[in-house]
Amino acid sequence: MATSTYPAWIHDGSDIPDPFGDGERAVQFLRSLRHPLSSAPGCAFELDPWQERIVRRIYGPRHPDGSRIVREVWLQVPRGNRKTSIAAALALLHTLGPERVPAGQIIFAAADRAQAGIAFKETAGIVRMDKRLLAATTIYDPQAGLKSIRSKRDGSELKAVSSDGKAQHGSTPSFVLADEIHVWQGRDLWEALRSGMVKRPGGLWVTATTAGRGREGLAAERYNYMSKIARGEIEDETVLPIIFEPEKGDDWLDEAVWHKVNPGLIHGYPVLSEMRNKAKEAKNNPSEAYSFRQYNLNEWLGNSRDPLFDFDTYDALKLKKPSEEVDLEQLPCYLGVDYAQSGDLAAIVAAWRHNDGRIEIKPWFFVPEEGLDERARLEDLPYREWIEQGHIIAVPGPVISREAVQEKIAEIAATYQVEQIAYDPWQFRVAATELAADGLPMLEMRQGPATMGPANGELIRAVNGRVLRHDGHPVLRNHFANVAAKTNDTGMVWMTKADKKRGHIDGAVAASMAVSRAVAAENTKSRYEDPDVLGLLMLP
């Protein structure tokens, strides 16, 4: 079993079976095309060696009856490696070339109309460069509306479609290009096209994408699946994963790594000098570094574009064995509470301060039971699985009752030495008053930048200083990954949602509150305890 996803076969010169000559015919057809931006004589379509190997690997291997073995291709390469050009050429191979079928449906699918139009424009430009192809087709390219290229020979049609998946139910595509899947919202379009393709024998699905962010959702799921096939953990000869990404231990500033994951660099694309400039800027800028690693090196990252902290560092802080409950019961405990009735989740995070200065955290999450499946579908998150695994508490009804959160807080306080319970007063003041009446140490912590800015700074320092420990809770990590960290001129950091519609950061906010209180208690000289600093903490 391989330990790397790297497609070494593209460069090793190994034999690619082509028993019926279909791979050779595909290559010759692509070489006969012209491209408006080509620098080759006669504007010939430039099929570089690495691209030719891919074409031969898709179309050469066949079953004894002549049917193609490969039915799905996952092409993941960094930006600037001309994946759109090769995908457009493959689409024409199925529309007008030797892979065409009568009345074939060739579909370019993307997150939005503009993105779908990029691949279509590339394809239409190739057709317009050849009088023979132009005469054999009708191109519909309206400013607004469905773009298509129709073959006059057999009625095959290439269409560019976007996010309205319902409109594609009933389609029976013979070829699909799923473009930049990492920015797709939801699964409707994907599922509609996939269900239609099973009706068409010999169809080909090509996903051409750059790496995305996050560990949940359609794109991440497909990437994980393709990675397992590439490593040999799953055997499926019908699927061809082609993943150019750094291997574990690769230095993202090493130009040898750049060449390894950018197969076009040796041929002059992307532009090496531009990559050097971007890397220089990214070296001391975490957000730019993540952007460079994702888009220019094709590294799949598990966080937002403006991460709160380095997730490699955070993941390395996972406890090999979480502390025993009996051990935690002996340590001072600090709670952060971020309550929401509906929309967002509610979160409680506990932070225990160990004698050696380490801070260990553990979360509890709440979600309304009503509408849970629709929430899971819209957000592309495995809520049912998380509930079954004990990572989230499902609260009956359409909203999260404050009583459910109160009960959990009281339960935690009865188990551990809770010193402070920091809470966001929004919609939770009544509950906090009742808990305080029961003798719990409630501490109002408003969510303004004057309070949360310093608190967020303490959380970041706890991670970067490697004093934080956690049990790898998947929901909490998801909430951290959804944070887009904003920094003002004074260096103060506050959290916003990277995805305003689907992302949740309640756990991150609660963690910031809990950790900051644990740090403040450890250092009585902290800014939180300084009487000269006003407005940081407000008692009810």
Protein backbone atom coordinates (compact mmCIF):
# COMPACT_ATOMS: atom_id res chain seq x y z
CA MET A 1 0.00 0.00 0.00
CA ALA A 2 1.34 3.43 -0.95
CA THR A 3 1.87 6.09 1.70
CA SER A 4 1.61 8.94 -0.82
CA THR A 5 -1.11 10.12 -3.16
CA TYR A 6 1.47 11.40 -5.65
CA PRO A 7 0.79 10.16 -9.23
CA ALA A 8 4.32 8.92 -9.95
CA TRP A 9 3.09 7.05 -13.06
CA ILE A 10 2.79 10.35 -14.89
CA HIS A 11 6.56 10.77 -14.96
CA ASP A 12 7.98 7.26 -14.65
CA GLY A 13 7.53 6.20 -18.29
CA SER A 14 5.66 3.05 -17.29
CA ASP A 15 3.56 1.28 -19.89
CA ILE A 16 -0.06 2.37 -20.27
CA PRO A 17 -2.21 -0.34 -21.90
CA ASP A 18 -3.99 0.68 -25.10
CA PRO A 19 -5.25 -2.61 -26.60
CA PHE A 20 -7.69 -1.02 -29.05
CA GLY A 21 -5.82 2.21 -29.82
CA ASP A 22 -8.39 4.46 -28.15
CA GLY A 23 -5.76 6.28 -26.13
CA GLU A 24 -3.76 7.03 -29.27
CA ARG A 25 -6.88 8.24 -31.11
CA ALA A 26 -7.73 10.56 -28.21
CA VAL A 27 -4.23 12.04 -28.21
CA GLN A 28 -4.25 12.56 -31.99
CA PHE A 29 -7.66 14.27 -31.84
CA LEU A 30 -6.48 16.69 -29.15
CA ARG A 31 -3.32 17.43 -31.10
CA SER A 32 -5.45 18.30 -34.13
CA LEU A 33 -7.22 21.06 -32.21
CA ARG A 34 -6.18 24.69 -32.11
CA HIS A 35 -6.18 27.01 -29.14
CA PRO A 36 -6.49 30.81 -29.38
CA LEU A 37 -3.75 31.33 -26.79
CA SER A 38 -1.35 28.70 -28.08
CA SER A 39 2.22 29.73 -28.87
CA ALA A 40 2.81 26.61 -31.00
CA PRO A 41 2.99 26.83 -34.81
CA GLY A 42 -0.49 27.23 -36.28
CA CYS A 43 -1.86 27.75 -32.76
CA ALA A 44 -1.84 23.96 -32.31
CA PHE A 45 -3.26 22.72 -29.04
CA GLU A 46 -0.30 22.16 -26.71
CA LEU A 47 -0.50 18.75 -25.11
CA ASP A 48 2.51 18.52 -22.84
CA PRO A 49 3.91 15.12 -21.81
CA TRP A 50 2.24 15.04 -18.38
CA GLN A 51 -1.13 15.87 -19.96
CA GLU A 52 -0.66 13.27 -22.69
CA ARG A 53 0.01 10.62 -20.06
CA ILE A 54 -3.25 11.50 -18.36
CA VAL A 55 -5.20 11.27 -21.62
CA ARG A 56 -3.68 7.89 -22.45
CA ARG A 57 -4.38 6.62 -18.93
CA ILE A 58 -8.05 7.61 -19.17
CA TYR A 59 -8.83 6.31 -22.64
CA GLY A 60 -6.30 3.53 -23.28
CA PRO A 61 -7.13 0.78 -20.74
CA ARG A 62 -10.20 -1.20 -21.89
CA HIS A 63 -12.21 -4.26 -20.98
CA PRO A 64 -12.12 -7.16 -23.49
CA ASP A 65 -15.40 -5.90 -24.98
CA GLY A 66 -13.76 -2.54 -25.74
CA SER A 67 -15.55 -0.54 -23.04
CA ARG A 68 -13.49 2.00 -21.15
CA ILE A 69 -12.33 0.97 -17.66
CA VAL A 70 -12.01 4.49 -16.22
CA ARG A 71 -15.37 6.07 -15.50
CA GLU A 72 -14.34 8.85 -13.12
CA VAL A 73 -11.30 11.14 -12.96
CA TRP A 74 -10.30 13.37 -10.05
CA LEU A 75 -7.78 15.92 -11.36
CA GLN A 76 -6.46 18.04 -8.51
CA VAL A 77 -3.67 20.41 -9.50
CA PRO A 78 -2.61 23.89 -8.35
CA ARG A 79 -3.85 27.00 -10.09
CA GLY A 80 -2.13 27.93 -13.31
CA ASN A 81 -1.56 24.38 -14.56
CA ARG A 82 -4.09 24.67 -17.38
CA LYS A 83 -6.57 22.15 -16.05
CA THR A 84 -9.42 24.10 -17.66
CA SER A 85 -7.78 23.82 -21.08
CA ILE A 86 -7.34 20.06 -20.88
CA ALA A 87 -10.87 19.63 -19.48
CA ALA A 88 -12.29 21.69 -22.37
CA ALA A 89 -10.39 19.56 -24.88
CA LEU A 90 -11.71 16.37 -23.28
CA ALA A 91 -15.25 17.75 -23.54
CA LEU A 92 -14.77 18.23 -27.28
CA LEU A 93 -13.41 14.70 -27.49
CA HIS A 94 -16.85 13.58 -26.29
CA THR A 95 -18.83 16.13 -28.30
CA LEU A 96 -17.14 15.94 -31.71
CA GLY A 97 -14.27 13.47 -31.37
CA PRO A 98 -13.84 9.69 -31.25
CA GLU A 99 -15.53 9.41 -27.82
CA ARG A 100 -18.80 10.97 -28.97
CA VAL A 101 -22.07 9.07 -28.73
CA PRO A 102 -25.33 9.92 -30.57
CA ALA A 103 -27.27 12.69 -28.81
CA GLY A 104 -24.63 12.85 -26.10
CA GLN A 105 -25.05 15.29 -23.23
CA ILE A 106 -21.80 16.97 -22.28
CA ILE A 107 -22.06 19.18 -19.21
CA PHE A 108 -19.82 21.78 -17.63
CA ALA A 109 -20.97 22.12 -14.02
CA ALA A 110 -19.75 24.82 -11.65
CA ALA A 111 -20.72 26.67 -8.48
CA ASP A 112 -22.08 29.67 -10.36
CA ARG A 113 -22.81 30.91 -13.85
CA ALA A 114 -19.57 32.88 -14.14
CA GLN A 115 -17.42 29.89 -13.21
CA ALA A 116 -19.30 27.59 -15.59
CA GLY A 117 -18.82 30.18 -18.31
CA ILE A 118 -15.00 30.04 -17.98
CA ALA A 119 -14.74 26.44 -19.18
CA PHE A 120 -17.40 27.06 -21.81
CA LYS A 121 -15.53 30.10 -23.17
CA GLU A 122 -12.36 28.01 -23.37
CA THR A 123 -14.17 25.30 -25.34
CA ALA A 124 -15.98 27.72 -27.65
CA GLY A 125 -12.66 29.44 -28.37
CA ILE A 126 -11.14 26.13 -29.49
CA VAL A 127 -14.11 25.45 -31.78
CA ARG A 128 -13.93 28.90 -33.35
CA MET A 129 -10.26 28.37 -34.21
CA ASP A 130 -11.13 25.53 -36.63
CA LYS A 131 -13.41 26.18 -39.60
CA ARG A 132 -14.32 22.49 -39.78
CA LEU A 133 -15.45 22.37 -36.17
CA LEU A 134 -17.24 25.68 -36.50
CA ALA A 135 -19.15 24.44 -39.53
CA ALA A 136 -20.13 21.26 -37.71
CA THR A 137 -21.57 23.05 -34.67
CA THR A 138 -23.95 25.74 -33.54
CA ILE A 139 -22.70 27.87 -30.65
CA TYR A 140 -25.22 29.56 -28.34
CA ASP A 141 -23.42 32.08 -26.17
CA PRO A 142 -25.97 34.58 -24.82
CA GLN A 143 -25.00 37.23 -22.29
CA ALA A 144 -27.56 35.73 -19.93
CA GLY A 145 -29.06 32.30 -20.31
CA LEU A 146 -27.97 28.78 -21.15
CA LYS A 147 -24.73 28.53 -23.08
CA SER A 148 -24.34 25.51 -25.35
CA ILE A 149 -22.51 24.02 -28.31
CA ARG A 150 -24.60 21.65 -30.43
CA SER A 151 -23.24 19.18 -32.95
CA LYS A 152 -25.03 19.30 -36.30
CA ARG A 153 -23.87 15.76 -37.02
CA ASP A 154 -25.65 13.76 -34.30
CA GLY A 155 -27.35 16.24 -31.97
CA SER A 156 -24.79 15.98 -29.17
CA GLU A 157 -24.85 19.06 -27.00
CA LEU A 158 -22.40 20.66 -24.60
CA LYS A 159 -24.01 22.84 -21.89
CA ALA A 160 -22.71 25.03 -19.09
CA VAL A 161 -24.80 24.75 -15.92
CA SER A 162 -24.50 26.06 -12.38
CA SER A 163 -25.93 25.74 -8.91
CA ASP A 164 -29.62 24.98 -9.63
CA GLY A 165 -29.35 21.23 -9.23
CA LYS A 166 -33.08 20.63 -9.49
CA ALA A 167 -33.05 21.84 -13.08
CA GLN A 168 -30.67 19.00 -14.00
CA HIS A 169 -32.86 16.15 -12.79
CA GLY A 170 -33.73 14.12 -15.87
CA SER A 171 -30.37 14.71 -17.53
CA THR A 172 -28.47 11.68 -18.79
CA PRO A 173 -24.95 13.07 -19.28
CA SER A 174 -22.32 11.19 -21.25
CA PHE A 175 -19.56 13.51 -19.98
CA VAL A 176 -19.47 15.83 -16.95
CA LEU A 177 -16.80 18.33 -15.99
CA ALA A 178 -17.29 19.29 -12.33
CA ASP A 179 -15.22 22.43 -12.04
CA GLU A 180 -13.64 23.72 -8.81
CA ILE A 181 -15.82 21.59 -6.55
CA HIS A 182 -14.24 23.07 -3.44
CA VAL A 183 -16.44 26.19 -3.83
CA TRP A 184 -19.72 24.37 -4.54
CA GLN A 185 -22.57 25.11 -2.15
CA GLY A 186 -24.56 22.01 -1.23
CA ARG A 187 -25.04 18.75 -3.10
CA ASP A 188 -28.09 19.31 -5.31
CA LEU A 189 -26.27 19.79 -8.59
CA TRP A 190 -23.80 16.99 -7.88
CA GLU A 191 -26.48 14.49 -6.95
CA ALA A 192 -28.70 15.38 -9.89
CA LEU A 193 -25.91 14.83 -12.40
CA ARG A 194 -24.57 11.71 -10.71
CA SER A 195 -27.99 10.08 -10.67
CA GLY A 196 -28.41 10.86 -14.37
CA MET A 197 -25.03 9.48 -15.37
CA VAL A 198 -25.83 5.95 -14.18
CA LYS A 199 -28.44 5.79 -16.94
CA ARG A 200 -25.79 6.27 -19.63
CA PRO A 201 -23.32 3.40 -20.26
CA GLY A 202 -19.74 4.47 -20.87
CA GLY A 203 -20.08 7.95 -19.39
CA LEU A 204 -17.09 9.83 -17.99
CA TRP A 205 -17.06 12.13 -14.97
CA VAL A 206 -14.10 14.51 -14.58
CA THR A 207 -13.67 16.63 -11.47
CA ALA A 208 -11.06 19.32 -12.10
CA THR A 209 -10.28 21.30 -9.00
CA THR A 210 -7.74 23.03 -6.84
CA ALA A 211 -7.50 22.02 -3.18
CA GLY A 212 -10.14 23.34 -0.81
CA ARG A 213 -10.45 24.07 2.88
CA GLY A 214 -12.13 22.21 5.72
CA ARG A 215 -12.75 18.59 6.62
CA GLU A 216 -16.52 18.38 6.12
CA GLY A 217 -18.75 18.78 3.09
CA LEU A 218 -18.99 17.31 -0.38
CA ALA A 219 -15.57 18.40 -1.67
CA ALA A 220 -13.71 17.23 1.43
CA GLU A 221 -15.53 13.90 1.37
CA ARG A 222 -14.63 13.30 -2.27
CA TYR A 223 -11.04 14.37 -1.70
CA ASN A 224 -10.69 11.96 1.22
CA TYR A 225 -12.19 9.14 -0.84
CA MET A 226 -9.91 9.84 -3.81
CA SER A 227 -6.88 10.02 -1.51
CA LYS A 228 -7.66 6.55 -0.18
CA ILE A 229 -7.85 5.16 -3.71
CA ALA A 230 -4.58 6.90 -4.63
CA ARG A 231 -2.87 5.33 -1.61
CA GLY A 232 -4.32 1.91 -2.33
CA GLU A 233 -6.51 1.76 0.77
CA ILE A 234 -9.54 1.33 -1.51
CA GLU A 235 -9.41 -0.58 -4.78
CA ASP A 236 -11.53 0.78 -7.62
CA GLU A 237 -10.15 0.51 -11.14
CA THR A 238 -12.98 2.66 -12.52
CA VAL A 239 -11.70 5.71 -10.65
CA LEU A 240 -8.51 7.56 -11.57
CA PRO A 241 -7.30 9.97 -8.85
CA ILE A 242 -4.63 12.40 -10.02
CA ILE A 243 -3.58 14.43 -6.99
CA PHE A 244 -0.60 16.75 -7.16
CA GLU A 245 -0.08 17.80 -3.54
CA PRO A 246 2.81 18.08 -1.06
CA GLU A 247 3.74 14.98 0.88
CA LYS A 248 4.06 14.88 4.64
CA GLY A 249 7.23 16.66 5.67
CA ASP A 250 7.57 18.72 2.47
CA ASP A 251 8.71 22.30 3.04
CA TRP A 252 6.27 24.64 1.30
CA LEU A 253 9.09 27.15 0.72
CA ASP A 254 11.25 24.59 -1.10
CA GLU A 255 11.16 25.21 -4.87
CA ALA A 256 11.73 21.52 -5.50
CA VAL A 257 8.33 20.94 -3.87
CA TRP A 258 6.82 23.60 -6.13
CA HIS A 259 8.05 21.74 -9.20
CA LYS A 260 6.84 18.42 -7.86
CA VAL A 261 3.25 19.57 -7.34
CA ASN A 262 3.06 21.92 -10.35
CA PRO A 263 3.57 19.64 -13.37
CA GLY A 264 3.40 22.59 -15.75
CA LEU A 265 6.27 24.54 -14.16
CA ILE A 266 8.88 22.79 -16.27
CA HIS A 267 6.95 23.98 -19.34
CA GLY A 268 6.67 27.59 -18.17
CA TYR A 269 3.32 27.60 -16.36
CA PRO A 270 2.55 28.82 -13.81
CA VAL A 271 5.19 31.56 -13.83
CA LEU A 272 8.02 30.71 -11.44
CA SER A 273 8.99 34.33 -10.73
CA GLU A 274 5.41 35.10 -9.70
CA MET A 275 5.40 32.12 -7.34
CA ARG A 276 8.61 33.37 -5.78
CA ASN A 277 7.06 36.79 -5.18
CA LYS A 278 3.96 35.24 -3.59
CA ALA A 279 6.04 32.96 -1.38
CA LYS A 280 8.17 35.88 -0.22
CA GLU A 281 5.04 37.77 0.80
CA ALA A 282 3.53 34.69 2.45
CA LYS A 283 6.62 33.78 4.48
CA ASN A 284 5.73 36.15 7.31
CA ASN A 285 1.98 36.39 6.79
CA PRO A 286 -0.06 33.38 8.03
CA SER A 287 -3.13 34.16 5.92
CA GLU A 288 -1.07 34.58 2.76
CA ALA A 289 0.87 31.44 3.62
CA TYR A 290 -2.32 29.42 3.80
CA SER A 291 -3.50 30.92 0.51
CA PHE A 292 -0.19 30.08 -1.18
CA ARG A 293 -0.23 26.52 0.13
CA GLN A 294 -3.83 25.96 -0.97
CA TYR A 295 -3.86 27.56 -4.42
CA ASN A 296 -0.26 27.37 -5.53
CA LEU A 297 0.78 24.09 -3.92
CA ASN A 298 -2.63 22.38 -3.89
CA GLU A 299 -2.56 21.53 -0.20
CA TRP A 300 -5.94 20.72 1.30
CA LEU A 301 -6.22 22.73 4.51
CA GLY A 302 -8.67 22.21 7.34
CA ASN A 303 -9.49 25.83 8.12
CA SER A 304 -10.85 29.12 6.78
CA ARG A 305 -8.87 31.57 4.64
CA ASP A 306 -8.08 33.76 7.66
CA PRO A 307 -7.35 31.15 10.33
CA LEU A 308 -7.31 31.96 14.01
CA PHE A 309 -4.11 29.96 14.43
CA ASP A 310 -1.98 27.38 12.68
CA PHE A 311 -3.98 24.15 12.49
CA ASP A 312 -0.94 21.93 12.20
CA THR A 313 0.03 23.24 15.61
CA TYR A 314 -3.51 22.81 16.96
CA ASP A 315 -3.76 19.22 15.71
CA ALA A 316 -0.40 18.38 17.25
CA LEU A 317 -1.79 19.41 20.65
CA LYS A 318 -4.32 16.56 20.66
CA LEU A 319 -3.92 14.40 23.73
CA LYS A 320 -2.82 10.84 23.04
CA LYS A 321 -4.95 9.88 26.02
CA PRO A 322 -7.43 12.40 27.50
CA SER A 323 -7.10 13.00 31.23
CA GLU A 324 -9.16 10.80 33.52
CA GLU A 325 -12.25 12.45 35.00
CA VAL A 326 -10.94 11.84 38.49
CA ASP A 327 -7.79 13.83 37.64
CA LEU A 328 -9.74 16.75 36.21
CA GLU A 329 -11.95 16.85 39.27
CA GLN A 330 -8.94 17.97 41.29
CA LEU A 331 -8.14 20.93 39.01
CA PRO A 332 -9.66 24.44 38.86
CA CYS A 333 -12.16 24.63 36.00
CA TYR A 334 -13.39 27.62 33.99
CA LEU A 335 -16.40 27.59 31.68
CA GLY A 336 -17.24 29.64 28.61
CA VAL A 337 -20.88 29.67 27.48
CA ASP A 338 -22.16 30.86 24.10
CA TYR A 339 -25.93 30.36 23.96
CA ALA A 340 -28.18 30.52 20.92
CA GLN A 341 -31.81 29.40 20.75
CA SER A 342 -31.89 28.81 17.01
CA GLY A 343 -29.75 29.30 13.92
CA ASP A 344 -26.38 28.76 15.56
CA LEU A 345 -25.46 26.01 17.99
CA ALA A 346 -25.09 26.52 21.73
CA ALA A 347 -21.71 25.70 23.23
CA ILE A 348 -20.14 25.20 26.63
CA VAL A 349 -16.37 24.82 26.81
CA ALA A 350 -14.49 23.90 29.97
CA ALA A 351 -10.85 24.81 30.53
CA TRP A 352 -8.84 23.11 33.27
CA ARG A 353 -5.59 24.64 34.45
CA HIS A 354 -2.94 22.02 35.23
CA ASN A 355 -0.24 22.66 37.80
CA ASP A 356 2.44 22.81 35.10
CA GLY A 357 0.62 25.63 33.28
CA ARG A 358 -1.04 23.48 30.62
CA ILE A 359 -4.68 24.20 29.84
CA GLU A 360 -6.95 21.34 28.82
CA ILE A 361 -10.28 22.03 27.12
CA LYS A 362 -13.45 20.02 26.52
CA PRO A 363 -16.68 21.16 24.81
CA TRP A 364 -20.37 20.36 24.93
CA PHE A 365 -22.61 21.35 22.01
CA PHE A 366 -26.38 21.63 21.60
CA VAL A 367 -28.49 21.60 18.43
CA PRO A 368 -32.29 21.64 17.91
CA GLU A 369 -33.69 18.25 16.92
CA GLU A 370 -36.39 19.72 14.71
CA GLY A 371 -35.13 20.38 11.19
CA LEU A 372 -31.86 18.60 11.91
CA ASP A 373 -31.73 16.65 8.65
CA GLU A 374 -32.33 19.79 6.60
CA ARG A 375 -29.63 21.58 8.58
CA ALA A 376 -27.25 18.70 7.90
CA ARG A 377 -28.05 18.84 4.18
CA LEU A 378 -27.67 22.60 3.86
CA GLU A 379 -24.46 22.75 5.89
CA ASP A 380 -22.97 19.49 4.61
CA LEU A 381 -22.20 18.38 8.16
CA PRO A 382 -22.75 14.93 9.74
CA TYR A 383 -24.98 16.02 12.62
CA ARG A 384 -26.64 12.62 13.04
CA GLU A 385 -23.26 10.92 13.20
CA TRP A 386 -21.97 13.49 15.69
CA ILE A 387 -25.04 12.95 17.89
CA GLU A 388 -24.61 9.17 17.80
CA GLN A 389 -20.95 9.57 18.77
CA GLY A 390 -21.85 11.83 21.68
CA HIS A 391 -20.28 14.96 20.25
CA ILE A 392 -23.53 16.97 20.18
CA ILE A 393 -26.66 16.97 22.35
CA ALA A 394 -29.88 17.09 20.33
CA VAL A 395 -32.52 19.20 22.12
CA PRO A 396 -36.17 18.33 21.32
CA GLY A 397 -38.08 21.00 19.44
CA PRO A 398 -37.25 23.83 17.04
CA VAL A 399 -34.97 25.78 19.41
CA ILE A 400 -32.33 25.10 22.05
CA SER A 401 -34.02 25.59 25.41
CA ARG A 402 -32.05 27.53 27.97
CA GLU A 403 -33.11 24.87 30.50
CA ALA A 404 -31.09 22.24 28.61
CA VAL A 405 -27.98 24.40 28.75
CA GLN A 406 -28.60 25.34 32.37
CA GLU A 407 -28.87 21.68 33.36
CA LYS A 408 -25.60 20.82 31.67
CA ILE A 409 -23.84 23.76 33.37
CA ALA A 410 -25.18 22.64 36.74
CA GLU A 411 -24.08 19.07 36.01
CA ILE A 412 -20.55 20.22 35.11
CA ALA A 413 -20.38 22.41 38.22
CA ALA A 414 -21.44 19.47 40.38
CA THR A 415 -18.63 17.35 38.92
CA TYR A 416 -15.68 19.75 38.71
CA GLN A 417 -14.17 22.60 40.70
CA VAL A 418 -15.74 25.36 38.63
CA GLU A 419 -14.21 28.70 39.57
CA GLN A 420 -15.91 30.92 37.01
CA ILE A 421 -18.61 30.59 34.37
CA ALA A 422 -18.14 33.29 31.73
CA TYR A 423 -21.23 33.81 29.60
CA ASP A 424 -22.51 35.96 26.78
CA PRO A 425 -25.48 37.83 28.28
CA TRP A 426 -27.39 37.86 24.98
CA GLN A 427 -30.50 35.74 25.59
CA PHE A 428 -28.86 34.10 28.61
CA ARG A 429 -29.14 36.72 31.35
CA VAL A 430 -32.25 35.13 32.94
CA ALA A 431 -30.61 31.70 32.98
CA ALA A 432 -27.43 33.20 34.42
CA THR A 433 -29.40 34.90 37.19
CA GLU A 434 -31.05 31.61 38.10
CA LEU A 435 -27.72 29.77 38.10
CA ALA A 436 -26.14 32.50 40.25
CA ALA A 437 -29.04 32.15 42.68
CA ASP A 438 -28.09 28.50 43.00
CA GLY A 439 -24.60 29.55 44.03
CA LEU A 440 -22.75 29.16 40.73
CA PRO A 441 -19.97 31.70 40.01
CA MET A 442 -21.45 33.44 36.96
CA LEU A 443 -19.40 36.11 35.18
CA GLU A 444 -20.90 38.24 32.43
CA MET A 445 -18.52 38.58 29.50
CA ARG A 446 -19.82 40.86 26.77
CA GLN A 447 -18.95 40.00 23.18
CA GLY A 448 -17.55 43.38 22.18
CA PRO A 449 -13.99 43.74 20.86
CA ALA A 450 -12.74 45.29 24.12
CA THR A 451 -13.55 42.04 25.90
CA MET A 452 -13.17 39.37 23.26
CA GLY A 453 -10.11 40.88 21.56
CA PRO A 454 -7.82 40.19 24.55
CA ALA A 455 -9.58 36.87 25.18
CA ASN A 456 -8.97 35.73 21.61
CA GLY A 457 -5.35 36.77 21.99
CA GLU A 458 -4.99 34.51 25.03
CA LEU A 459 -6.45 31.57 23.09
CA ILE A 460 -4.07 32.14 20.18
CA ARG A 461 -1.11 32.36 22.54
CA ALA A 462 -2.19 29.17 24.28
CA VAL A 463 -2.19 27.32 20.95
CA ASN A 464 0.95 28.88 19.50
CA GLY A 465 2.73 28.51 22.85
CA ARG A 466 1.72 24.84 22.85
CA VAL A 467 0.19 24.99 26.32
CA LEU A 468 -3.31 24.06 25.15
CA ARG A 469 -4.45 20.42 25.09
CA HIS A 470 -7.64 18.92 23.64
CA ASP A 471 -9.22 15.57 22.78
CA GLY A 472 -9.66 16.24 19.07
CA HIS A 473 -13.38 16.98 19.35
CA PRO A 474 -14.56 17.19 15.68
CA VAL A 475 -17.27 19.80 16.23
CA LEU A 476 -14.96 22.14 18.11
CA ARG A 477 -12.34 21.82 15.40
CA ASN A 478 -14.99 22.56 12.79
CA HIS A 479 -15.94 25.75 14.65
CA PHE A 480 -12.31 26.82 14.92
CA ALA A 481 -11.93 26.15 11.20
CA ASN A 482 -14.95 28.34 10.45
CA VAL A 483 -13.35 31.37 12.08
CA ALA A 484 -12.10 34.20 9.93
CA ALA A 485 -9.76 36.11 12.25
CA LYS A 486 -9.66 39.88 11.83
CA THR A 487 -6.89 42.03 13.28
CA ASN A 488 -6.97 45.81 13.72
CA ASP A 489 -4.06 48.25 13.78
CA THR A 490 -3.44 47.64 17.48
CA GLY A 491 -3.09 43.89 16.95
CA MET A 492 -6.40 43.07 18.63
CA VAL A 493 -8.05 39.97 17.14
CA TRP A 494 -11.73 39.20 16.85
CA MET A 495 -13.63 36.34 15.30
CA THR A 496 -16.11 36.41 12.44
CA LYS A 497 -17.67 33.62 10.44
CA ALA A 498 -15.78 32.64 7.31
CA ASP A 499 -19.08 31.37 5.88
CA LYS A 500 -21.91 33.68 6.93
CA LYS A 501 -24.65 31.28 5.82
CA ARG A 502 -23.41 27.88 6.94
CA GLY A 503 -20.48 28.27 9.28
CA HIS A 504 -20.65 28.15 13.09
CA ILE A 505 -18.07 29.54 15.49
CA ASP A 506 -19.94 29.21 18.81
CA GLY A 507 -17.48 26.63 20.12
CA ALA A 508 -14.53 28.86 19.24
CA VAL A 509 -16.10 31.80 21.06
CA ALA A 510 -16.84 29.70 24.15
CA ALA A 511 -13.31 28.29 24.09
CA SER A 512 -11.85 31.79 23.96
CA MET A 513 -13.91 32.80 26.97
CA ALA A 514 -12.95 29.71 28.97
CA VAL A 515 -9.23 29.77 28.15
CA SER A 516 -8.94 33.50 28.83
CA ARG A 517 -10.45 33.03 32.28
CA ALA A 518 -8.09 30.17 33.03
CA VAL A 519 -5.12 32.30 31.97
CA ALA A 520 -6.38 35.29 33.98
CA ALA A 521 -6.72 33.18 37.10
CA GLU A 522 -3.20 31.81 36.66
CA ASN A 523 -1.74 35.28 36.42
CA THR A 524 -3.38 37.72 38.77
CA LYS A 525 -1.41 40.49 37.06
CA SER A 526 -3.26 39.77 33.84
CA ARG A 527 -4.97 42.59 32.00
CA TYR A 528 -8.30 41.00 32.96
CA GLU A 529 -7.65 41.66 36.65
CA ASP A 530 -6.09 45.11 36.18
CA PRO A 531 -8.42 47.78 37.66
CA ASP A 532 -7.02 50.31 35.20
CA VAL A 533 -8.53 48.38 32.29
CA LEU A 534 -12.27 49.03 32.11
CA GLY A 535 -14.99 47.16 30.31
CA LEU A 536 -13.25 43.81 29.96
CA LEU A 537 -15.39 41.93 32.47
CA MET A 538 -18.78 42.98 33.77
CA LEU A 539 -20.44 41.39 36.75
CA PRO A 540 -24.22 40.97 36.57
